[in-house]
Protein backbone atom coordinates (compact mmCIF):
# COMPACT_ATOMS: atom_id res chain seq x y z
CA MET A 1 202.60 8.95 -68.69
CA ASP A 2 206.08 10.36 -69.90
CA GLU A 3 204.85 9.20 -73.53
CA ALA A 4 201.23 8.52 -74.12
CA ARG A 5 200.05 5.04 -75.21
CA THR A 6 198.95 4.97 -79.02
CA GLU A 7 197.51 2.32 -81.33
CA HIS A 8 201.06 1.47 -82.29
CA SER A 9 203.09 2.15 -79.19
CA PRO A 10 202.72 1.09 -75.57
CA GLY A 11 203.87 4.38 -74.30
CA ARG A 12 206.11 5.04 -71.21
CA VAL A 13 204.80 5.12 -67.65
CA ASN A 14 206.31 7.78 -65.43
CA ALA A 15 209.02 5.95 -63.64
CA LYS A 16 208.17 7.43 -60.01
CA PHE A 17 204.44 6.41 -60.62
CA ALA A 18 205.56 2.84 -61.70
CA GLN A 19 207.53 2.45 -58.59
CA PHE A 20 204.70 3.71 -56.50
CA ALA A 21 202.44 1.14 -58.30
CA LYS A 22 205.02 -1.61 -57.47
CA ASP A 23 205.32 -0.62 -53.83
CA PHE A 24 201.50 -0.56 -53.41
CA GLY A 25 200.89 -3.69 -55.35
CA PHE A 26 198.72 -2.54 -58.22
CA GLU A 27 199.18 -2.64 -61.98
CA VAL A 28 199.21 0.46 -64.30
CA LYS A 29 197.11 -0.16 -67.40
CA PRO A 30 197.34 3.05 -69.72
CA CYS A 31 194.60 3.95 -71.98
CA ILE A 32 195.10 4.65 -75.60
CA ALA A 33 195.26 8.61 -75.88
CA GLY A 34 192.11 10.08 -77.46
CA ARG A 35 189.99 6.88 -77.43
CA PRO A 36 186.65 7.82 -75.84
CA ARG A 37 185.42 4.35 -75.23
CA THR A 38 188.30 3.65 -72.67
CA LYS A 39 189.54 7.18 -71.83
CA GLY A 40 186.04 8.19 -70.95
CA LYS A 41 185.83 5.70 -68.11
CA VAL A 42 188.84 7.19 -66.69
CA GLU A 43 187.88 10.65 -67.15
CA THR A 44 184.56 10.28 -65.43
CA THR A 45 186.05 9.84 -62.13
CA MET A 46 188.39 12.87 -62.73
CA LYS A 47 185.17 14.77 -62.04
CA ILE A 48 185.84 14.40 -58.38
CA LEU A 49 189.10 16.19 -58.70
CA ASP A 50 187.35 19.05 -60.52
CA GLU A 51 184.94 19.46 -57.64
CA ILE A 52 188.02 19.98 -55.27
CA HIS A 53 189.90 22.19 -57.76
CA ALA A 54 186.95 24.58 -57.97
CA TYR A 55 187.62 25.70 -54.46
CA GLN A 56 191.28 26.36 -55.07
CA GLY A 57 192.43 29.10 -52.71
CA GLN A 58 189.07 29.71 -51.23
CA LEU A 59 189.25 26.99 -48.35
CA THR A 60 191.68 26.85 -45.49
CA LEU A 61 193.40 23.45 -45.12
CA GLU A 62 191.04 22.51 -42.31
CA GLU A 63 188.13 23.55 -44.50
CA LEU A 64 189.48 21.55 -47.45
CA HIS A 65 190.10 18.52 -45.19
CA GLN A 66 186.39 18.57 -44.16
CA PHE A 67 185.35 19.16 -47.73
CA VAL A 68 187.21 16.18 -48.88
CA GLN A 69 185.80 14.02 -46.27
CA ASP A 70 182.21 15.15 -47.06
CA LEU A 71 182.98 14.54 -50.76
CA SER A 72 184.36 11.08 -50.10
CA HIS A 73 181.51 10.02 -48.03
CA ARG A 74 178.91 11.15 -50.59
CA VAL A 75 180.74 9.32 -53.71
CA ASN A 76 181.23 6.39 -51.75
CA HIS A 77 177.49 5.98 -50.84
CA GLU A 78 176.18 6.46 -54.33
CA VAL A 79 175.94 4.12 -57.24
CA HIS A 80 179.03 4.02 -59.39
CA GLN A 81 178.48 4.87 -62.85
CA GLY A 82 180.99 2.18 -64.28
CA THR A 83 180.18 -0.77 -62.06
CA GLY A 84 176.57 -0.09 -61.01
CA LYS A 85 177.42 -0.78 -57.44
CA ILE A 86 177.86 1.13 -54.30
CA PRO A 87 181.57 1.34 -53.30
CA ALA A 88 180.99 1.37 -49.51
CA ILE A 89 179.09 -1.83 -49.82
CA GLU A 90 181.46 -3.46 -52.09
CA PHE A 91 184.36 -2.63 -49.96
CA LYS A 92 182.73 -4.38 -46.91
CA LYS A 93 182.39 -7.44 -49.18
CA GLU A 94 185.99 -7.42 -50.60
CA ARG A 95 188.09 -5.96 -47.70
CA ASN A 96 189.26 -9.38 -46.46
CA HIS A 97 190.60 -10.17 -49.85
CA LEU A 98 192.63 -6.88 -50.19
CA LEU A 99 196.47 -6.84 -50.22
CA GLN A 100 198.11 -5.44 -47.09
CA LEU A 101 199.59 -1.96 -47.40
CA PRO A 102 203.48 -1.61 -47.57
CA ALA A 103 205.59 -1.03 -44.55
CA GLU A 104 205.29 2.30 -42.99
CA LYS A 105 208.63 3.37 -44.01
CA VAL A 106 207.66 2.83 -47.68
CA ARG A 107 204.36 4.61 -47.28
CA ASP A 108 206.28 7.51 -45.53
CA SER A 109 208.58 7.87 -48.51
CA TYR A 110 205.50 8.98 -50.68
CA ARG A 111 204.01 11.50 -47.96
CA ILE A 112 204.59 15.28 -48.70
CA LYS A 113 205.21 17.21 -45.63
CA HIS A 114 203.50 20.55 -45.36
CA THR A 115 205.27 22.97 -43.04
CA LEU A 116 204.26 26.44 -41.95
CA VAL A 117 206.91 29.25 -42.19
CA LYS A 118 206.70 32.85 -41.86
CA VAL A 119 207.53 35.37 -44.73
CA ASN A 120 210.15 37.88 -43.44
CA ALA A 121 210.52 41.78 -43.91
CA SER A 122 212.17 41.06 -47.32
CA ASN A 123 209.52 39.03 -48.58
CA MET A 124 211.34 35.89 -48.17
CA ILE A 125 210.88 32.37 -46.63
CA SER A 126 213.86 30.33 -45.34
CA TYR A 127 214.59 26.64 -46.34
CA LYS A 128 217.75 24.98 -45.23
CA SER A 129 219.36 28.42 -44.41
CA ASN A 130 218.79 29.59 -48.02
CA GLN A 131 215.92 32.28 -48.88
CA TYR A 132 213.34 32.15 -51.56
CA SER A 133 211.08 34.98 -52.63
CA VAL A 134 207.15 35.23 -52.55
CA PRO A 135 204.87 38.20 -53.55
CA ALA A 136 205.04 41.20 -51.54
CA GLN A 137 201.52 41.02 -50.28
CA TYR A 138 202.28 38.00 -48.09
CA GLN A 139 204.93 39.62 -46.02
CA GLY A 140 204.68 38.91 -42.32
CA LYS A 141 202.05 36.04 -43.14
CA LYS A 142 202.45 32.32 -42.48
CA VAL A 143 202.54 30.30 -45.62
CA GLY A 144 202.73 26.61 -46.37
CA LEU A 145 205.89 24.93 -47.66
CA GLN A 146 206.12 21.55 -49.57
CA VAL A 147 209.03 20.03 -51.02
CA TYR A 148 209.10 17.41 -53.70
CA ASP A 149 210.62 16.87 -57.21
CA ASN A 150 213.45 18.92 -56.17
CA GLN A 151 211.19 22.03 -56.04
CA LEU A 152 209.86 24.32 -53.32
CA TRP A 153 206.09 24.83 -53.60
CA ILE A 154 204.77 27.81 -51.46
CA TYR A 155 201.01 28.10 -50.59
CA TYR A 156 198.93 30.61 -48.76
CA ASN A 157 195.97 28.42 -47.54
CA THR A 158 195.49 26.25 -50.43
CA GLU A 159 196.55 28.66 -53.11
CA LEU A 160 200.06 28.21 -54.95
CA ILE A 161 201.65 31.48 -54.50
CA ALA A 162 205.40 30.69 -55.66
CA GLN A 163 207.60 27.81 -56.83
CA HIS A 164 211.25 27.75 -56.71
CA PRO A 165 213.92 25.11 -57.78
CA ILE A 166 215.84 23.99 -54.53
CA SER A 167 219.05 25.94 -54.80
CA ASN A 168 222.41 26.24 -52.76
CA LYS A 169 222.28 30.00 -53.29
CA LYS A 170 221.64 32.10 -50.25
CA LEU A 171 219.12 34.49 -51.89
CA ASN A 172 216.82 33.27 -54.50
CA TYR A 173 214.57 35.73 -56.13
CA GLN A 174 212.04 35.66 -58.81
CA GLU A 175 212.39 38.86 -60.76
CA ALA A 176 208.64 39.70 -60.65
CA HIS A 177 208.57 39.39 -56.85
CA TYR A 178 211.60 41.71 -56.41
CA GLN A 179 210.06 44.23 -58.71
CA GLU A 180 206.91 44.14 -56.74
CA ALA A 181 208.76 44.73 -53.60
CA LEU A 182 210.82 47.68 -55.06
CA GLY A 183 207.51 49.18 -56.38
CA VAL A 184 206.11 49.19 -52.75
CA SER A 185 209.20 50.56 -51.07
CA MET A 186 210.04 53.11 -53.96
CA PRO A 187 206.81 54.06 -55.61
CA ASN A 188 208.08 57.12 -57.41
CA TYR A 189 211.15 55.66 -58.78
CA PRO A 190 211.13 56.45 -62.79
CA ASP A 191 212.22 53.03 -63.84
CA ILE A 192 211.72 50.33 -61.36
CA ASP A 193 212.19 47.39 -63.93
CA ASP A 194 215.60 48.68 -64.78
CA LEU A 195 216.58 49.16 -61.10
CA ALA A 196 215.37 45.60 -60.27
CA LYS A 197 217.45 44.02 -62.98
CA ARG A 198 220.51 45.93 -61.98
CA ASN A 199 219.98 45.04 -58.37
CA LEU A 200 219.36 41.34 -59.08
CA ALA A 201 222.40 41.12 -61.27
CA THR A 202 224.47 42.51 -58.22
CA ILE A 203 222.82 40.17 -55.87
CA ARG A 204 223.46 37.12 -58.16
CA GLU A 205 227.23 38.11 -58.37
CA VAL A 206 227.54 38.53 -54.58
CA TYR A 207 225.70 35.32 -53.68
CA LYS A 208 226.81 33.13 -56.71
């Protein structure tokens, strides 16, 4: 929700999610914010996401995939709190009445691609010929790159390590990343923060 539903306002559903609902043929029914008797039913199912989030950064993508598969199998074969029914059994009864999924082209437009890229010696990754910084500890490692909402999301295994707005600049540093890299290469420099600021100002001037 871009604006929450209240007792006196219907709120405003996020436009991108509203389009997703339209493309996949379901209706969005917002709950009134802060009302336990309706909101609680929705929040109960969020416990599944909490289980997944608990392993943030602790599983590889392959391990996370297996974890989600096992979690899905467990949840779909136990009694649902809200309906008192077992989802896997109900699905078999109702599957012939479900709507067809939209065309593959529509489904593909919502998929987020995950690409592996290597961090170079300058602690940067490349995207469309431009470079973006990551923390120094990932130098030489392969990291995952996802692109959506005009942002780059950079992961190591399943841990988010950096986020950058997509830019047309050749070099895109986060100040903390640059300071960290300087600290590693020049550990005895008296004022790394000041040097980093001056160097970044020069880089921005050259590559603006």
